[in-house]
Amino acid sequence: MDGPLPLVLIAGSLVFALVVLVYVALDRTPDWGLLGLAGLVEAGVLVMLVVAAVQVGGADLSGPDAITLFGYLVAALAILPLGFAWSLVERSRGATAVLAVAGLTEAFMIVRALQIWQS
């Protein structure tokens, strides 16, 4: 998981959270543009998961570290769709704010996965 992909995903997740906060400030509900931005972040996390799966065989990760790494990556794949499901069902300002929390959580999950990989 070396290279720019994790850093791009962290930045993308933070940009997503910032855009969602603008939506909250303007009292707007999620739209297709926001869903597309989340889809780009999700596609990147999926690529990172595949790269980690390929590279973990040659890495120096023990069993628990590998399980923790993949746990963070799989959770990162699930957090944005769950946040969108919540915000689309409820359709309120608070439910849209849940997406900002999901974006920040996504960035945190990627940072933790990167820390586990580097240790």
C-alpha atoms as a PDB file:
ATOM      1  CA  MET A   1       0.000   0.000   0.000  1.00  0.00           C
ATOM      2  CA  ASP A   2       2.852   2.317  -0.748  1.00  0.00           C
ATOM      3  CA  GLY A   3       2.427   5.212  -3.102  1.00  0.00           C
ATOM      4  CA  PRO A   4      -0.001   8.086  -3.375  1.00  0.00           C
ATOM      5  CA  LEU A   5      -3.287   6.137  -3.254  1.00  0.00           C
ATOM      6  CA  PRO A   6      -3.832   6.211   0.540  1.00  0.00           C
ATOM      7  CA  LEU A   7      -3.014   9.916   0.707  1.00  0.00           C
ATOM      8  CA  VAL A   8      -5.339  10.672  -2.209  1.00  0.00           C
ATOM      9  CA  LEU A   9      -8.110   8.712  -0.480  1.00  0.00           C
ATOM     10  CA  ILE A  10      -7.585  10.540   2.802  1.00  0.00           C
ATOM     11  CA  ALA A  11      -7.722  13.886   0.998  1.00  0.00           C
ATOM     12  CA  GLY A  12     -10.770  12.758  -0.994  1.00  0.00           C
ATOM     13  CA  SER A  13     -12.589  11.698   2.156  1.00  0.00           C
ATOM     14  CA  LEU A  14     -11.841  15.016   3.839  1.00  0.00           C
ATOM     15  CA  VAL A  15     -12.990  16.947   0.746  1.00  0.00           C
ATOM     16  CA  PHE A  16     -16.171  14.854   0.744  1.00  0.00           C
ATOM     17  CA  ALA A  17     -16.788  15.730   4.413  1.00  0.00           C
ATOM     18  CA  LEU A  18     -16.187  19.419   3.679  1.00  0.00           C
ATOM     19  CA  VAL A  19     -18.619  19.396   0.733  1.00  0.00           C
ATOM     20  CA  VAL A  20     -21.221  17.684   2.928  1.00  0.00           C
ATOM     21  CA  LEU A  21     -20.780  20.393   5.569  1.00  0.00           C
ATOM     22  CA  VAL A  22     -21.520  22.978   2.868  1.00  0.00           C
ATOM     23  CA  TYR A  23     -24.681  21.003   2.041  1.00  0.00           C
ATOM     24  CA  VAL A  24     -25.633  21.059   5.731  1.00  0.00           C
ATOM     25  CA  ALA A  25     -25.027  24.813   5.960  1.00  0.00           C
ATOM     26  CA  LEU A  26     -27.202  25.388   2.884  1.00  0.00           C
ATOM     27  CA  ASP A  27     -29.849  22.957   4.201  1.00  0.00           C
ATOM     28  CA  ARG A  28     -29.626  20.797   1.088  1.00  0.00           C
ATOM     29  CA  THR A  29     -30.238  17.071   0.885  1.00  0.00           C
ATOM     30  CA  PRO A  30     -27.731  14.738  -0.791  1.00  0.00           C
ATOM     31  CA  ASP A  31     -27.876  14.671  -4.584  1.00  0.00           C
ATOM     32  CA  TRP A  32     -26.258  12.780  -7.458  1.00  0.00           C
ATOM     33  CA  GLY A  33     -23.096  14.889  -7.352  1.00  0.00           C
ATOM     34  CA  LEU A  34     -22.487  13.993  -3.737  1.00  0.00           C
ATOM     35  CA  LEU A  35     -23.202  10.354  -4.479  1.00  0.00           C
ATOM     36  CA  GLY A  36     -20.706  10.470  -7.360  1.00  0.00           C
ATOM     37  CA  LEU A  37     -18.006  11.931  -5.131  1.00  0.00           C
ATOM     38  CA  ALA A  38     -18.642   9.214  -2.558  1.00  0.00           C
ATOM     39  CA  GLY A  39     -18.506   6.628  -5.349  1.00  0.00           C
ATOM     40  CA  LEU A  40     -15.045   7.828  -6.366  1.00  0.00           C
ATOM     41  CA  VAL A  41     -13.807   7.489  -2.791  1.00  0.00           C
ATOM     42  CA  GLU A  42     -15.390   4.029  -2.511  1.00  0.00           C
ATOM     43  CA  ALA A  43     -13.779   2.895  -5.782  1.00  0.00           C
ATOM     44  CA  GLY A  44     -10.409   4.035  -4.465  1.00  0.00           C
ATOM     45  CA  VAL A  45     -10.894   2.138  -1.212  1.00  0.00           C
ATOM     46  CA  LEU A  46     -11.820  -0.969  -3.194  1.00  0.00           C
ATOM     47  CA  VAL A  47      -8.607  -0.618  -5.229  1.00  0.00           C
ATOM     48  CA  MET A  48      -6.651  -0.196  -1.999  1.00  0.00           C
ATOM     49  CA  LEU A  49      -8.270  -3.336  -0.577  1.00  0.00           C
ATOM     50  CA  VAL A  50      -7.270  -5.352  -3.653  1.00  0.00           C
ATOM     51  CA  VAL A  51      -3.714  -3.957  -3.577  1.00  0.00           C
ATOM     52  CA  ALA A  52      -3.420  -4.809   0.115  1.00  0.00           C
ATOM     53  CA  ALA A  53      -4.704  -8.334  -0.527  1.00  0.00           C
ATOM     54  CA  VAL A  54      -2.074  -8.859  -3.222  1.00  0.00           C
ATOM     55  CA  GLN A  55       0.753  -7.329  -1.216  1.00  0.00           C
ATOM     56  CA  VAL A  56      -0.008  -8.891   2.163  1.00  0.00           C
ATOM     57  CA  GLY A  57       1.446 -12.231   1.028  1.00  0.00           C
ATOM     58  CA  GLY A  58       4.905 -10.748   0.592  1.00  0.00           C
ATOM     59  CA  ALA A  59       4.690  -8.426   3.583  1.00  0.00           C
ATOM     60  CA  ASP A  60       5.790  -8.944   7.131  1.00  0.00           C
ATOM     61  CA  LEU A  61       2.290  -8.834   8.635  1.00  0.00           C
ATOM     62  CA  SER A  62       1.379 -11.403  11.238  1.00  0.00           C
ATOM     63  CA  GLY A  63      -2.094 -12.925  11.476  1.00  0.00           C
ATOM     64  CA  PRO A  64      -3.693 -10.427  13.881  1.00  0.00           C
ATOM     65  CA  ASP A  65      -2.181  -7.431  12.061  1.00  0.00           C
ATOM     66  CA  ALA A  66      -3.481  -8.665   8.706  1.00  0.00           C
ATOM     67  CA  ILE A  67      -6.945  -9.255  10.160  1.00  0.00           C
ATOM     68  CA  THR A  68      -6.968  -5.764  11.674  1.00  0.00           C
ATOM     69  CA  LEU A  69      -5.792  -4.236   8.386  1.00  0.00           C
ATOM     70  CA  PHE A  70      -8.536  -5.916   6.380  1.00  0.00           C
ATOM     71  CA  GLY A  71     -11.070  -5.120   9.091  1.00  0.00           C
ATOM     72  CA  TYR A  72     -10.338  -1.411   8.704  1.00  0.00           C
ATOM     73  CA  LEU A  73     -10.458  -1.601   4.901  1.00  0.00           C
ATOM     74  CA  VAL A  74     -13.747  -3.518   4.834  1.00  0.00           C
ATOM     75  CA  ALA A  75     -15.253  -1.123   7.385  1.00  0.00           C
ATOM     76  CA  ALA A  76     -14.076   1.783   5.214  1.00  0.00           C
ATOM     77  CA  LEU A  77     -15.967   0.222   2.310  1.00  0.00           C
ATOM     78  CA  ALA A  78     -19.148  -0.005   4.367  1.00  0.00           C
ATOM     79  CA  ILE A  79     -19.236   3.374   6.125  1.00  0.00           C
ATOM     80  CA  LEU A  80     -20.176   5.678   3.232  1.00  0.00           C
ATOM     81  CA  PRO A  81     -22.992   3.493   1.849  1.00  0.00           C
ATOM     82  CA  LEU A  82     -24.455   3.206   5.347  1.00  0.00           C
ATOM     83  CA  GLY A  83     -24.258   6.976   5.794  1.00  0.00           C
ATOM     84  CA  PHE A  84     -25.979   7.517   2.457  1.00  0.00           C
ATOM     85  CA  ALA A  85     -28.710   5.036   3.308  1.00  0.00           C
ATOM     86  CA  TRP A  86     -29.354   6.902   6.554  1.00  0.00           C
ATOM     87  CA  SER A  87     -29.387  10.327   4.900  1.00  0.00           C
ATOM     88  CA  LEU A  88     -31.679   9.234   2.071  1.00  0.00           C
ATOM     89  CA  VAL A  89     -34.211   7.573   4.367  1.00  0.00           C
ATOM     90  CA  GLU A  90     -34.525  10.418   6.880  1.00  0.00           C
ATOM     91  CA  ARG A  91     -34.068  13.486   4.597  1.00  0.00           C
ATOM     92  CA  SER A  92     -33.231  15.995   7.314  1.00  0.00           C
ATOM     93  CA  ARG A  93     -30.350  18.351   8.020  1.00  0.00           C
ATOM     94  CA  GLY A  94     -29.094  16.059  10.788  1.00  0.00           C
ATOM     95  CA  ALA A  95     -29.163  13.031   8.512  1.00  0.00           C
ATOM     96  CA  THR A  96     -27.107  14.931   5.949  1.00  0.00           C
ATOM     97  CA  ALA A  97     -24.631  15.785   8.710  1.00  0.00           C
ATOM     98  CA  VAL A  98     -24.244  12.044   9.262  1.00  0.00           C
ATOM     99  CA  LEU A  99     -22.521  11.971   5.857  1.00  0.00           C
ATOM    100  CA  ALA A 100     -19.910  14.449   7.105  1.00  0.00           C
ATOM    101  CA  VAL A 101     -19.198  12.145  10.032  1.00  0.00           C
ATOM    102  CA  ALA A 102     -19.019   9.214   7.606  1.00  0.00           C
ATOM    103  CA  GLY A 103     -16.473  11.099   5.480  1.00  0.00           C
ATOM    104  CA  LEU A 104     -14.320  11.869   8.501  1.00  0.00           C
ATOM    105  CA  THR A 105     -14.614   8.269   9.673  1.00  0.00           C
ATOM    106  CA  GLU A 106     -13.585   7.088   6.212  1.00  0.00           C
ATOM    107  CA  ALA A 107     -10.420   9.199   6.412  1.00  0.00           C
ATOM    108  CA  PHE A 108      -9.692   7.849   9.901  1.00  0.00           C
ATOM    109  CA  MET A 109     -10.106   4.237   8.738  1.00  0.00           C
ATOM    110  CA  ILE A 110      -7.651   4.772   5.889  1.00  0.00           C
ATOM    111  CA  VAL A 111      -5.134   6.447   8.219  1.00  0.00           C
ATOM    112  CA  ARG A 112      -5.369   3.507  10.639  1.00  0.00           C
ATOM    113  CA  ALA A 113      -4.981   0.959   7.829  1.00  0.00           C
ATOM    114  CA  LEU A 114      -1.909   2.840   6.607  1.00  0.00           C
ATOM    115  CA  GLN A 115      -0.438   2.888  10.131  1.00  0.00           C
ATOM    116  CA  ILE A 116      -0.959  -0.864  10.483  1.00  0.00           C
ATOM    117  CA  TRP A 117       0.624  -1.477   7.094  1.00  0.00           C
ATOM    118  CA  GLN A 118       3.700   0.596   7.962  1.00  0.00           C
ATOM    119  CA  SER A 119       4.235  -0.980  11.390  1.00  0.00           C
END
